[in-house]
Amino acid sequence: MKGSCHCGAVTFEIGEAPEFLLECNCSVCRRVAAWWVYSDKVPITLNAPEGSTIAYAWGDKDLAFHSCKTCGCTTHWASLLDDKFAVNAKMCAPEDLKPLRIRHFDGADSWTLLD
């Protein structure tokens, strides 16, 4: 699966179909309406050239959400503690996402899967 922001400045490729997409209800994720695919679960190649994104870290500041500097799409988040990251699968073609299961994560309160 391939994905990109609207203008194409940030792109990524997911090397194999993930077992599921994760939808989180934390204060940031519910606003960007992302479906996350995690780099520690499947191989992902991320192409976000230096200066192509604006990063936003909040709360504990252990991760930063990245949005394209040109078109504003939130493309991924990156850990500020290690090399983990996740890409926003909603940047992929809808037909690639249709067969995938969406799991719901309570990032607002319990930090557990809700399904």
Protein backbone atom coordinates (compact mmCIF):
# COMPACT_ATOMS: atom_id res chain seq x y z
CA MET A 1 0.00 0.00 0.00
CA LYS A 2 1.21 3.47 -0.85
CA GLY A 3 0.12 6.71 0.74
CA SER A 4 0.82 10.40 0.47
CA CYS A 5 -0.38 13.75 1.69
CA HIS A 6 -2.64 15.66 -0.71
CA CYS A 7 0.20 17.51 -2.48
CA GLY A 8 2.58 14.51 -2.53
CA ALA A 9 5.44 16.10 -0.58
CA VAL A 10 5.30 13.32 2.05
CA THR A 11 4.90 9.72 0.92
CA PHE A 12 5.11 6.27 2.44
CA GLU A 13 4.86 2.62 1.47
CA ILE A 14 3.54 -0.13 3.72
CA GLY A 15 5.43 -3.30 2.82
CA GLU A 16 2.70 -5.77 3.77
CA ALA A 17 -0.94 -5.58 4.72
CA PRO A 18 -1.28 -4.81 8.43
CA GLU A 19 -3.37 -7.07 10.63
CA PHE A 20 -5.51 -4.04 11.49
CA LEU A 21 -5.70 -0.24 11.46
CA LEU A 22 -5.87 1.54 14.80
CA GLU A 23 -8.26 4.39 15.49
CA CYS A 24 -7.43 6.26 18.71
CA ASN A 25 -9.72 8.63 20.58
CA CYS A 26 -7.05 10.76 22.27
CA SER A 27 -7.41 14.52 21.97
CA VAL A 28 -5.18 14.73 18.88
CA CYS A 29 -6.14 11.53 17.04
CA ARG A 30 -9.87 12.16 17.24
CA ARG A 31 -9.30 15.57 15.66
CA VAL A 32 -7.14 14.32 12.79
CA ALA A 33 -9.36 11.23 12.32
CA ALA A 34 -6.37 9.02 11.55
CA TRP A 35 -6.19 5.26 11.11
CA TRP A 36 -2.67 4.33 12.23
CA VAL A 37 -0.33 1.62 10.94
CA TYR A 38 2.67 1.05 13.23
CA SER A 39 6.26 0.63 12.08
CA ASP A 40 6.97 -2.04 14.69
CA LYS A 41 4.16 -4.24 13.26
CA VAL A 42 4.83 -4.08 9.49
CA PRO A 43 7.67 -2.74 7.33
CA ILE A 44 7.08 0.89 6.36
CA THR A 45 9.21 3.17 4.22
CA LEU A 46 8.55 6.81 5.06
CA ASN A 47 9.68 9.63 2.77
CA ALA A 48 9.33 12.90 4.67
CA PRO A 49 12.20 15.11 3.49
CA GLU A 50 13.77 17.51 5.97
CA GLY A 51 11.59 20.60 6.25
CA SER A 52 8.56 19.03 4.54
CA THR A 53 6.53 18.70 7.75
CA ILE A 54 5.55 20.67 10.80
CA ALA A 55 5.85 18.64 14.01
CA TYR A 56 3.56 19.03 17.00
CA ALA A 57 4.40 17.47 20.37
CA TRP A 58 2.08 17.83 23.36
CA GLY A 59 1.53 16.44 26.85
CA ASP A 60 4.46 14.22 27.85
CA LYS A 61 6.17 15.18 24.59
CA ASP A 62 7.18 11.62 23.85
CA LEU A 63 5.91 11.71 20.27
CA ALA A 64 5.37 14.31 17.56
CA PHE A 65 2.55 14.42 15.05
CA HIS A 66 3.77 15.46 11.59
CA SER A 67 1.67 17.41 9.10
CA CYS A 68 2.70 18.41 5.60
CA LYS A 69 3.96 21.98 5.57
CA THR A 70 2.30 22.61 2.19
CA CYS A 71 -1.14 20.93 2.27
CA GLY A 72 -1.62 20.38 6.01
CA CYS A 73 -2.43 16.64 5.98
CA THR A 74 -1.33 14.76 9.13
CA THR A 75 0.78 12.00 7.63
CA HIS A 76 2.48 10.32 10.58
CA TRP A 77 3.69 10.50 14.13
CA ALA A 78 7.21 9.78 15.29
CA SER A 79 8.44 8.84 18.75
CA LEU A 80 10.80 11.33 20.35
CA LEU A 81 12.20 8.53 22.55
CA ASP A 82 13.10 5.83 20.01
CA ASP A 83 12.76 5.02 16.30
CA LYS A 84 9.08 3.97 16.32
CA PHE A 85 6.56 5.74 14.14
CA ALA A 86 3.13 5.23 12.62
CA VAL A 87 1.66 6.41 9.34
CA ASN A 88 -1.87 7.63 8.75
CA ALA A 89 -3.48 4.99 6.52
CA LYS A 90 -6.15 7.49 5.49
CA MET A 91 -3.47 8.84 3.15
CA CYS A 92 -3.82 5.57 1.16
CA ALA A 93 -6.35 4.76 -1.56
CA PRO A 94 -9.78 3.85 -0.12
CA GLU A 95 -9.85 0.56 -2.03
CA ASP A 96 -6.64 -0.53 -0.25
CA LEU A 97 -8.24 0.12 3.16
CA LYS A 98 -11.63 -1.47 2.54
CA PRO A 99 -10.65 -5.06 3.46
CA LEU A 100 -8.78 -4.06 6.64
CA ARG A 101 -10.16 -4.32 10.16
CA ILE A 102 -10.32 -1.14 12.24
CA ARG A 103 -9.61 -1.54 15.96
CA HIS A 104 -10.50 1.17 18.45
CA PHE A 105 -8.03 2.29 21.11
CA ASP A 106 -8.95 4.32 24.18
CA GLY A 107 -6.05 6.77 24.21
CA ALA A 108 -8.21 9.29 26.06
CA ASP A 109 -8.67 7.29 29.24
CA SER A 110 -7.83 3.61 29.79
CA TRP A 111 -5.06 3.01 27.22
CA THR A 112 -6.70 -0.26 26.18
CA LEU A 113 -8.25 -1.66 23.05
CA LEU A 114 -12.01 -1.28 23.13
CA ASP A 115 -12.94 -4.28 20.97
